[in-house]
Amino acid sequence: MEAYYPILAALAGGLLPALAWLWFWRREDSRHPEPRRLIALAFFGGMVAVAVVIPIEKFVQPYAGDVAWLPPMTLLFIAWAFIEEITKFLAAYVTVLRRAEDDEPIDPVIYMVTTALGFAAAENTLFLLSPLAGSTVFQTLITGNLRFVGATLLHVLSSAVIGLALALAFYAKRNVKRRYAFIGVLFAGIVHSIFNFFIINTAEEHLLRTFAFVWVGIIVLLAVLEFVKRIKPRWT
């Protein structure tokens, strides 16, 4: 039984923080909450997306090595950022974004955030498995805390950018919605890439400064959500 403790601990460390953030973000849609089954489906879709992303990232790794005019590994981390953002969007689109319950501008934001949290839960679980298997509990808690305040919120922020783009074009024509979706994925990839760039080029003792960038983005996101809640059809 003890052999399963690292796996159970990693699952708890990956899932519980993501579920806590999910509870927080669902409160932003408390007036007309989305069905729990669709929230669960979006969350599960985000988790499955990790299994899709990993082989793709391994495939592109040999082709995105160091470039002379870029810091080491920068191009690879940019490629990985866009792969993850595209995959999270496709996971949300396939599972929930096409459903009739997606019926107000804030809904795509909530669904994208939920998908991102599912992605982060699975990613964090895999990330924690290595420290848990061969390190001290203290080191694992430090790793988990950094993932909790940093990478998890990064996925929320970048995916929310896509959700906001979809919200702004919620009542527009289909071709406009597609254009906004493309722009949203593009900006999400840029946000994710900027964070990765700072992670690569920041000393470990200054990582919290990099995470502060994400916290500022989350504060801005919460402010923008108040505007999204007031978006109405043009003909009303």
C-alpha atoms as a PDB file:
ATOM      1  CA  MET A   1       0.000   0.000   0.000  1.00  0.00           C
ATOM      2  CA  GLU A   2       2.868   2.372   0.813  1.00  0.00           C
ATOM      3  CA  ALA A   3       4.000   2.130  -2.801  1.00  0.00           C
ATOM      4  CA  TYR A   4       0.850   4.008  -3.834  1.00  0.00           C
ATOM      5  CA  TYR A   5       1.355   6.892  -1.380  1.00  0.00           C
ATOM      6  CA  PRO A   6       3.439   8.985  -3.817  1.00  0.00           C
ATOM      7  CA  ILE A   7       0.786   8.585  -6.522  1.00  0.00           C
ATOM      8  CA  LEU A   8      -2.087   9.432  -4.157  1.00  0.00           C
ATOM      9  CA  ALA A   9      -0.188  12.418  -2.781  1.00  0.00           C
ATOM     10  CA  ALA A  10       0.573  13.672  -6.298  1.00  0.00           C
ATOM     11  CA  LEU A  11      -3.085  13.323  -7.265  1.00  0.00           C
ATOM     12  CA  ALA A  12      -4.121  15.279  -4.187  1.00  0.00           C
ATOM     13  CA  GLY A  13      -1.482  17.929  -4.819  1.00  0.00           C
ATOM     14  CA  GLY A  14      -2.559  18.286  -8.435  1.00  0.00           C
ATOM     15  CA  LEU A  15      -6.329  18.069  -8.081  1.00  0.00           C
ATOM     16  CA  LEU A  16      -7.143  19.834  -4.815  1.00  0.00           C
ATOM     17  CA  PRO A  17      -5.570  23.223  -5.661  1.00  0.00           C
ATOM     18  CA  ALA A  18      -7.208  23.159  -9.106  1.00  0.00           C
ATOM     19  CA  LEU A  19     -10.593  22.347  -7.573  1.00  0.00           C
ATOM     20  CA  ALA A  20     -10.143  25.171  -5.066  1.00  0.00           C
ATOM     21  CA  TRP A  21      -9.491  27.621  -7.890  1.00  0.00           C
ATOM     22  CA  LEU A  22     -12.451  26.195  -9.785  1.00  0.00           C
ATOM     23  CA  TRP A  23     -14.732  26.946  -6.824  1.00  0.00           C
ATOM     24  CA  PHE A  24     -13.411  30.520  -6.809  1.00  0.00           C
ATOM     25  CA  TRP A  25     -13.930  31.111 -10.531  1.00  0.00           C
ATOM     26  CA  ARG A  26     -17.402  29.581 -10.587  1.00  0.00           C
ATOM     27  CA  ARG A  27     -18.482  32.266  -8.151  1.00  0.00           C
ATOM     28  CA  GLU A  28     -17.891  34.799 -10.948  1.00  0.00           C
ATOM     29  CA  ASP A  29     -20.848  33.202 -12.744  1.00  0.00           C
ATOM     30  CA  SER A  30     -23.066  32.802  -9.698  1.00  0.00           C
ATOM     31  CA  ARG A  31     -26.125  34.465 -11.271  1.00  0.00           C
ATOM     32  CA  HIS A  32     -26.515  31.887 -14.040  1.00  0.00           C
ATOM     33  CA  PRO A  33     -24.084  29.072 -13.184  1.00  0.00           C
ATOM     34  CA  GLU A  34     -23.170  26.551 -15.825  1.00  0.00           C
ATOM     35  CA  PRO A  35     -24.408  22.955 -15.402  1.00  0.00           C
ATOM     36  CA  ARG A  36     -22.113  20.914 -13.205  1.00  0.00           C
ATOM     37  CA  ARG A  37     -21.957  18.125 -15.765  1.00  0.00           C
ATOM     38  CA  LEU A  38     -20.533  20.554 -18.345  1.00  0.00           C
ATOM     39  CA  ILE A  39     -18.083  22.001 -15.833  1.00  0.00           C
ATOM     40  CA  ALA A  40     -16.949  18.452 -15.076  1.00  0.00           C
ATOM     41  CA  LEU A  41     -16.722  17.699 -18.801  1.00  0.00           C
ATOM     42  CA  ALA A  42     -14.622  20.806 -19.464  1.00  0.00           C
ATOM     43  CA  PHE A  43     -12.341  19.955 -16.531  1.00  0.00           C
ATOM     44  CA  PHE A  44     -11.923  16.386 -17.761  1.00  0.00           C
ATOM     45  CA  GLY A  45     -11.275  17.670 -21.288  1.00  0.00           C
ATOM     46  CA  GLY A  46      -8.454  19.794 -19.942  1.00  0.00           C
ATOM     47  CA  MET A  47      -6.937  16.774 -18.213  1.00  0.00           C
ATOM     48  CA  VAL A  48      -7.118  14.699 -21.396  1.00  0.00           C
ATOM     49  CA  ALA A  49      -5.472  17.567 -23.280  1.00  0.00           C
ATOM     50  CA  VAL A  50      -2.279  16.946 -21.305  1.00  0.00           C
ATOM     51  CA  ALA A  51      -2.084  13.436 -22.753  1.00  0.00           C
ATOM     52  CA  VAL A  52      -2.417  14.976 -26.230  1.00  0.00           C
ATOM     53  CA  VAL A  53       0.147  17.708 -25.607  1.00  0.00           C
ATOM     54  CA  ILE A  54       2.977  15.570 -24.227  1.00  0.00           C
ATOM     55  CA  PRO A  55       3.708  13.526 -27.393  1.00  0.00           C
ATOM     56  CA  ILE A  56       3.359  16.620 -29.594  1.00  0.00           C
ATOM     57  CA  GLU A  57       5.836  18.552 -27.449  1.00  0.00           C
ATOM     58  CA  LYS A  58       8.257  15.636 -27.542  1.00  0.00           C
ATOM     59  CA  PHE A  59       7.902  15.496 -31.334  1.00  0.00           C
ATOM     60  CA  VAL A  60       8.735  19.186 -31.877  1.00  0.00           C
ATOM     61  CA  GLN A  61      11.596  19.231 -29.373  1.00  0.00           C
ATOM     62  CA  PRO A  62      14.339  18.199 -31.838  1.00  0.00           C
ATOM     63  CA  TYR A  63      13.140  20.824 -34.339  1.00  0.00           C
ATOM     64  CA  ALA A  64      12.985  23.733 -31.878  1.00  0.00           C
ATOM     65  CA  GLY A  65      16.437  23.634 -30.368  1.00  0.00           C
ATOM     66  CA  ASP A  66      18.671  26.537 -29.587  1.00  0.00           C
ATOM     67  CA  VAL A  67      18.768  29.430 -32.046  1.00  0.00           C
ATOM     68  CA  ALA A  68      21.793  31.710 -32.218  1.00  0.00           C
ATOM     69  CA  TRP A  69      19.826  34.939 -31.803  1.00  0.00           C
ATOM     70  CA  LEU A  70      17.616  33.637 -28.982  1.00  0.00           C
ATOM     71  CA  PRO A  71      18.437  32.666 -25.388  1.00  0.00           C
ATOM     72  CA  PRO A  72      18.825  28.884 -24.924  1.00  0.00           C
ATOM     73  CA  MET A  73      15.587  26.891 -25.201  1.00  0.00           C
ATOM     74  CA  THR A  74      13.494  30.019 -25.862  1.00  0.00           C
ATOM     75  CA  LEU A  75      12.105  28.859 -29.200  1.00  0.00           C
ATOM     76  CA  LEU A  76      11.222  25.472 -27.731  1.00  0.00           C
ATOM     77  CA  PHE A  77       9.322  27.018 -24.833  1.00  0.00           C
ATOM     78  CA  ILE A  78       7.478  29.355 -27.229  1.00  0.00           C
ATOM     79  CA  ALA A  79       6.476  26.349 -29.341  1.00  0.00           C
ATOM     80  CA  TRP A  80       5.305  24.479 -26.251  1.00  0.00           C
ATOM     81  CA  ALA A  81       3.294  27.505 -25.081  1.00  0.00           C
ATOM     82  CA  PHE A  82       1.367  27.717 -28.361  1.00  0.00           C
ATOM     83  CA  ILE A  83       0.857  23.949 -28.510  1.00  0.00           C
ATOM     84  CA  GLU A  84      -0.695  24.011 -25.043  1.00  0.00           C
ATOM     85  CA  GLU A  85      -2.927  27.001 -25.741  1.00  0.00           C
ATOM     86  CA  ILE A  86      -4.207  25.582 -29.033  1.00  0.00           C
ATOM     87  CA  THR A  87      -4.849  22.195 -27.432  1.00  0.00           C
ATOM     88  CA  LYS A  88      -6.709  23.688 -24.451  1.00  0.00           C
ATOM     89  CA  PHE A  89      -8.901  25.704 -26.806  1.00  0.00           C
ATOM     90  CA  LEU A  90      -9.673  22.664 -28.949  1.00  0.00           C
ATOM     91  CA  ALA A  91     -10.469  20.619 -25.839  1.00  0.00           C
ATOM     92  CA  ALA A  92     -12.948  23.266 -24.678  1.00  0.00           C
ATOM     93  CA  TYR A  93     -14.403  23.637 -28.172  1.00  0.00           C
ATOM     94  CA  VAL A  94     -14.976  19.905 -28.588  1.00  0.00           C
ATOM     95  CA  THR A  95     -16.465  19.367 -25.127  1.00  0.00           C
ATOM     96  CA  VAL A  96     -18.497  22.456 -24.192  1.00  0.00           C
ATOM     97  CA  LEU A  97     -18.149  25.589 -26.316  1.00  0.00           C
ATOM     98  CA  ARG A  98     -20.506  24.371 -29.042  1.00  0.00           C
ATOM     99  CA  ARG A  99     -23.350  23.500 -26.647  1.00  0.00           C
ATOM    100  CA  ALA A 100     -26.590  25.408 -26.199  1.00  0.00           C
ATOM    101  CA  GLU A 101     -25.728  26.047 -22.536  1.00  0.00           C
ATOM    102  CA  ASP A 102     -22.980  28.389 -23.712  1.00  0.00           C
ATOM    103  CA  ASP A 103     -25.566  31.155 -23.919  1.00  0.00           C
ATOM    104  CA  GLU A 104     -24.066  34.323 -22.415  1.00  0.00           C
ATOM    105  CA  PRO A 105     -20.739  36.160 -22.891  1.00  0.00           C
ATOM    106  CA  ILE A 106     -19.203  35.109 -19.573  1.00  0.00           C
ATOM    107  CA  ASP A 107     -19.768  31.405 -20.302  1.00  0.00           C
ATOM    108  CA  PRO A 108     -16.801  30.891 -22.681  1.00  0.00           C
ATOM    109  CA  VAL A 109     -14.550  32.523 -20.090  1.00  0.00           C
ATOM    110  CA  ILE A 110     -15.760  30.124 -17.386  1.00  0.00           C
ATOM    111  CA  TYR A 111     -15.443  27.120 -19.695  1.00  0.00           C
ATOM    112  CA  MET A 112     -11.933  28.103 -20.828  1.00  0.00           C
ATOM    113  CA  VAL A 113     -10.838  28.652 -17.221  1.00  0.00           C
ATOM    114  CA  THR A 114     -12.314  25.283 -16.222  1.00  0.00           C
ATOM    115  CA  THR A 115     -10.508  23.545 -19.068  1.00  0.00           C
ATOM    116  CA  ALA A 116      -7.290  25.281 -18.036  1.00  0.00           C
ATOM    117  CA  LEU A 117      -7.712  24.095 -14.442  1.00  0.00           C
ATOM    118  CA  GLY A 118      -8.214  20.522 -15.620  1.00  0.00           C
ATOM    119  CA  PHE A 119      -5.061  20.850 -17.697  1.00  0.00           C
ATOM    120  CA  ALA A 120      -3.157  22.293 -14.735  1.00  0.00           C
ATOM    121  CA  ALA A 121      -4.422  19.543 -12.412  1.00  0.00           C
ATOM    122  CA  ALA A 122      -3.103  16.781 -14.674  1.00  0.00           C
ATOM    123  CA  GLU A 123       0.135  18.649 -15.430  1.00  0.00           C
ATOM    124  CA  ASN A 124       0.794  19.397 -11.753  1.00  0.00           C
ATOM    125  CA  THR A 125       0.112  15.780 -10.809  1.00  0.00           C
ATOM    126  CA  LEU A 126       2.734  14.580 -13.279  1.00  0.00           C
ATOM    127  CA  PHE A 127       5.110  17.310 -12.138  1.00  0.00           C
ATOM    128  CA  LEU A 128       4.725  16.344  -8.462  1.00  0.00           C
ATOM    129  CA  LEU A 129       5.221  12.628  -9.051  1.00  0.00           C
ATOM    130  CA  SER A 130       8.957  13.063  -9.532  1.00  0.00           C
ATOM    131  CA  PRO A 131       9.666  15.060  -6.348  1.00  0.00           C
ATOM    132  CA  LEU A 132       7.343  12.873  -4.284  1.00  0.00           C
ATOM    133  CA  ALA A 133       8.978   9.678  -5.431  1.00  0.00           C
ATOM    134  CA  GLY A 134      12.482  10.643  -4.356  1.00  0.00           C
ATOM    135  CA  SER A 135      12.500  13.790  -2.221  1.00  0.00           C
ATOM    136  CA  THR A 136      11.402  15.040   1.154  1.00  0.00           C
ATOM    137  CA  VAL A 137       7.843  16.070   1.928  1.00  0.00           C
ATOM    138  CA  PHE A 138       9.079  19.607   2.583  1.00  0.00           C
ATOM    139  CA  GLN A 139      10.600  19.882  -0.897  1.00  0.00           C
ATOM    140  CA  THR A 140       7.405  18.539  -2.401  1.00  0.00           C
ATOM    141  CA  LEU A 141       5.304  21.125  -0.562  1.00  0.00           C
ATOM    142  CA  ILE A 142       7.591  23.894  -1.828  1.00  0.00           C
ATOM    143  CA  THR A 143       7.230  22.575  -5.377  1.00  0.00           C
ATOM    144  CA  GLY A 144       3.465  22.300  -4.981  1.00  0.00           C
ATOM    145  CA  ASN A 145       3.148  25.833  -3.666  1.00  0.00           C
ATOM    146  CA  LEU A 146       5.110  27.248  -6.586  1.00  0.00           C
ATOM    147  CA  ARG A 147       2.948  25.329  -9.025  1.00  0.00           C
ATOM    148  CA  PHE A 148      -0.187  26.444  -7.160  1.00  0.00           C
ATOM    149  CA  VAL A 149       0.534  30.178  -7.275  1.00  0.00           C
ATOM    150  CA  GLY A 150       2.417  30.203 -10.558  1.00  0.00           C
ATOM    151  CA  ALA A 151       1.802  27.669 -13.283  1.00  0.00           C
ATOM    152  CA  THR A 152      -1.825  26.980 -12.383  1.00  0.00           C
ATOM    153  CA  LEU A 153      -2.759  30.646 -12.558  1.00  0.00           C
ATOM    154  CA  LEU A 154      -0.733  31.034 -15.743  1.00  0.00           C
ATOM    155  CA  HIS A 155      -2.959  28.437 -17.427  1.00  0.00           C
ATOM    156  CA  VAL A 156      -6.021  30.215 -16.050  1.00  0.00           C
ATOM    157  CA  LEU A 157      -4.822  33.605 -17.290  1.00  0.00           C
ATOM    158  CA  SER A 158      -3.791  32.487 -20.770  1.00  0.00           C
ATOM    159  CA  SER A 159      -6.947  30.448 -21.365  1.00  0.00           C
ATOM    160  CA  ALA A 160      -9.097  33.262 -19.988  1.00  0.00           C
ATOM    161  CA  VAL A 161      -7.610  35.488 -22.705  1.00  0.00           C
ATOM    162  CA  ILE A 162      -9.193  33.147 -25.260  1.00  0.00           C
ATOM    163  CA  GLY A 163     -12.447  33.157 -23.319  1.00  0.00           C
ATOM    164  CA  LEU A 164     -12.472  36.954 -23.245  1.00  0.00           C
ATOM    165  CA  ALA A 165     -11.946  37.107 -27.001  1.00  0.00           C
ATOM    166  CA  LEU A 166     -14.899  34.761 -27.482  1.00  0.00           C
ATOM    167  CA  ALA A 167     -16.961  36.852 -25.055  1.00  0.00           C
ATOM    168  CA  LEU A 168     -16.280  40.084 -26.938  1.00  0.00           C
ATOM    169  CA  ALA A 169     -17.541  38.488 -30.143  1.00  0.00           C
ATOM    170  CA  PHE A 170     -20.314  36.484 -28.490  1.00  0.00           C
ATOM    171  CA  TYR A 171     -23.160  38.183 -30.389  1.00  0.00           C
ATOM    172  CA  ALA A 172     -21.200  38.704 -33.610  1.00  0.00           C
ATOM    173  CA  LYS A 173     -21.405  36.768 -36.869  1.00  0.00           C
ATOM    174  CA  ARG A 174     -19.659  33.418 -37.209  1.00  0.00           C
ATOM    175  CA  ASN A 175     -16.734  34.716 -39.284  1.00  0.00           C
ATOM    176  CA  VAL A 176     -16.122  37.457 -36.693  1.00  0.00           C
ATOM    177  CA  LYS A 177     -16.208  34.867 -33.899  1.00  0.00           C
ATOM    178  CA  ARG A 178     -13.588  32.795 -35.723  1.00  0.00           C
ATOM    179  CA  ARG A 179     -11.381  35.845 -36.133  1.00  0.00           C
ATOM    180  CA  TYR A 180     -11.655  36.690 -32.453  1.00  0.00           C
ATOM    181  CA  ALA A 181     -10.963  33.070 -31.506  1.00  0.00           C
ATOM    182  CA  PHE A 182      -7.769  33.151 -33.590  1.00  0.00           C
ATOM    183  CA  ILE A 183      -6.717  36.438 -31.988  1.00  0.00           C
ATOM    184  CA  GLY A 184      -7.480  35.042 -28.541  1.00  0.00           C
ATOM    185  CA  VAL A 185      -5.349  31.935 -29.084  1.00  0.00           C
ATOM    186  CA  LEU A 186      -2.559  34.119 -30.497  1.00  0.00           C
ATOM    187  CA  PHE A 187      -2.543  36.427 -27.479  1.00  0.00           C
ATOM    188  CA  ALA A 188      -2.824  33.475 -25.093  1.00  0.00           C
ATOM    189  CA  GLY A 189       0.268  31.952 -26.675  1.00  0.00           C
ATOM    190  CA  ILE A 190       2.101  35.275 -26.370  1.00  0.00           C
ATOM    191  CA  VAL A 191       1.189  35.633 -22.674  1.00  0.00           C
ATOM    192  CA  HIS A 192       2.283  32.054 -22.013  1.00  0.00           C
ATOM    193  CA  SER A 193       5.518  32.575 -23.952  1.00  0.00           C
ATOM    194  CA  ILE A 194       6.385  35.756 -22.051  1.00  0.00           C
ATOM    195  CA  PHE A 195       5.972  33.908 -18.769  1.00  0.00           C
ATOM    196  CA  ASN A 196       8.159  31.063 -20.017  1.00  0.00           C
ATOM    197  CA  PHE A 197      10.789  33.558 -21.158  1.00  0.00           C
ATOM    198  CA  PHE A 198      10.970  35.068 -17.681  1.00  0.00           C
ATOM    199  CA  ILE A 199      11.094  31.616 -16.082  1.00  0.00           C
ATOM    200  CA  ILE A 200      14.069  30.677 -18.271  1.00  0.00           C
ATOM    201  CA  ASN A 201      15.972  33.889 -17.630  1.00  0.00           C
ATOM    202  CA  THR A 202      15.170  34.514 -13.959  1.00  0.00           C
ATOM    203  CA  ALA A 203      17.263  33.193 -11.106  1.00  0.00           C
ATOM    204  CA  GLU A 204      15.438  30.734  -8.867  1.00  0.00           C
ATOM    205  CA  GLU A 205      15.507  33.050  -5.864  1.00  0.00           C
ATOM    206  CA  HIS A 206      13.649  35.711  -7.895  1.00  0.00           C
ATOM    207  CA  LEU A 207      10.916  33.468  -9.310  1.00  0.00           C
ATOM    208  CA  LEU A 208       8.239  35.044  -7.128  1.00  0.00           C
ATOM    209  CA  ARG A 209       8.751  38.279  -9.067  1.00  0.00           C
ATOM    210  CA  THR A 210       7.865  36.376 -12.221  1.00  0.00           C
ATOM    211  CA  PHE A 211       4.770  34.924 -10.570  1.00  0.00           C
ATOM    212  CA  ALA A 212       3.782  38.478  -9.611  1.00  0.00           C
ATOM    213  CA  PHE A 213       3.333  39.105 -13.339  1.00  0.00           C
ATOM    214  CA  VAL A 214       0.643  36.404 -13.364  1.00  0.00           C
ATOM    215  CA  TRP A 215      -1.080  37.795 -10.263  1.00  0.00           C
ATOM    216  CA  VAL A 216      -1.297  41.233 -11.851  1.00  0.00           C
ATOM    217  CA  GLY A 217      -2.813  39.621 -14.931  1.00  0.00           C
ATOM    218  CA  ILE A 218      -5.404  37.831 -12.792  1.00  0.00           C
ATOM    219  CA  ILE A 219      -6.399  41.116 -11.120  1.00  0.00           C
ATOM    220  CA  VAL A 220      -6.826  42.717 -14.546  1.00  0.00           C
ATOM    221  CA  LEU A 221      -8.827  39.692 -15.671  1.00  0.00           C
ATOM    222  CA  LEU A 222     -11.235  40.012 -12.742  1.00  0.00           C
ATOM    223  CA  ALA A 223     -11.777  43.663 -13.605  1.00  0.00           C
ATOM    224  CA  VAL A 224     -12.439  42.862 -17.272  1.00  0.00           C
ATOM    225  CA  LEU A 225     -14.932  40.165 -16.270  1.00  0.00           C
ATOM    226  CA  GLU A 226     -17.124  42.874 -14.770  1.00  0.00           C
ATOM    227  CA  PHE A 227     -17.287  44.455 -18.214  1.00  0.00           C
ATOM    228  CA  VAL A 228     -18.004  41.097 -19.862  1.00  0.00           C
ATOM    229  CA  LYS A 229     -20.981  40.544 -17.550  1.00  0.00           C
ATOM    230  CA  ARG A 230     -22.571  43.696 -18.968  1.00  0.00           C
ATOM    231  CA  ILE A 231     -22.239  42.766 -22.657  1.00  0.00           C
ATOM    232  CA  LYS A 232     -25.689  42.663 -24.262  1.00  0.00           C
ATOM    233  CA  PRO A 233     -26.963  41.889 -27.769  1.00  0.00           C
ATOM    234  CA  ARG A 234     -26.827  44.955 -30.018  1.00  0.00           C
ATOM    235  CA  TRP A 235     -30.536  44.738 -30.821  1.00  0.00           C
ATOM    236  CA  THR A 236     -31.669  45.008 -27.168  1.00  0.00           C
END
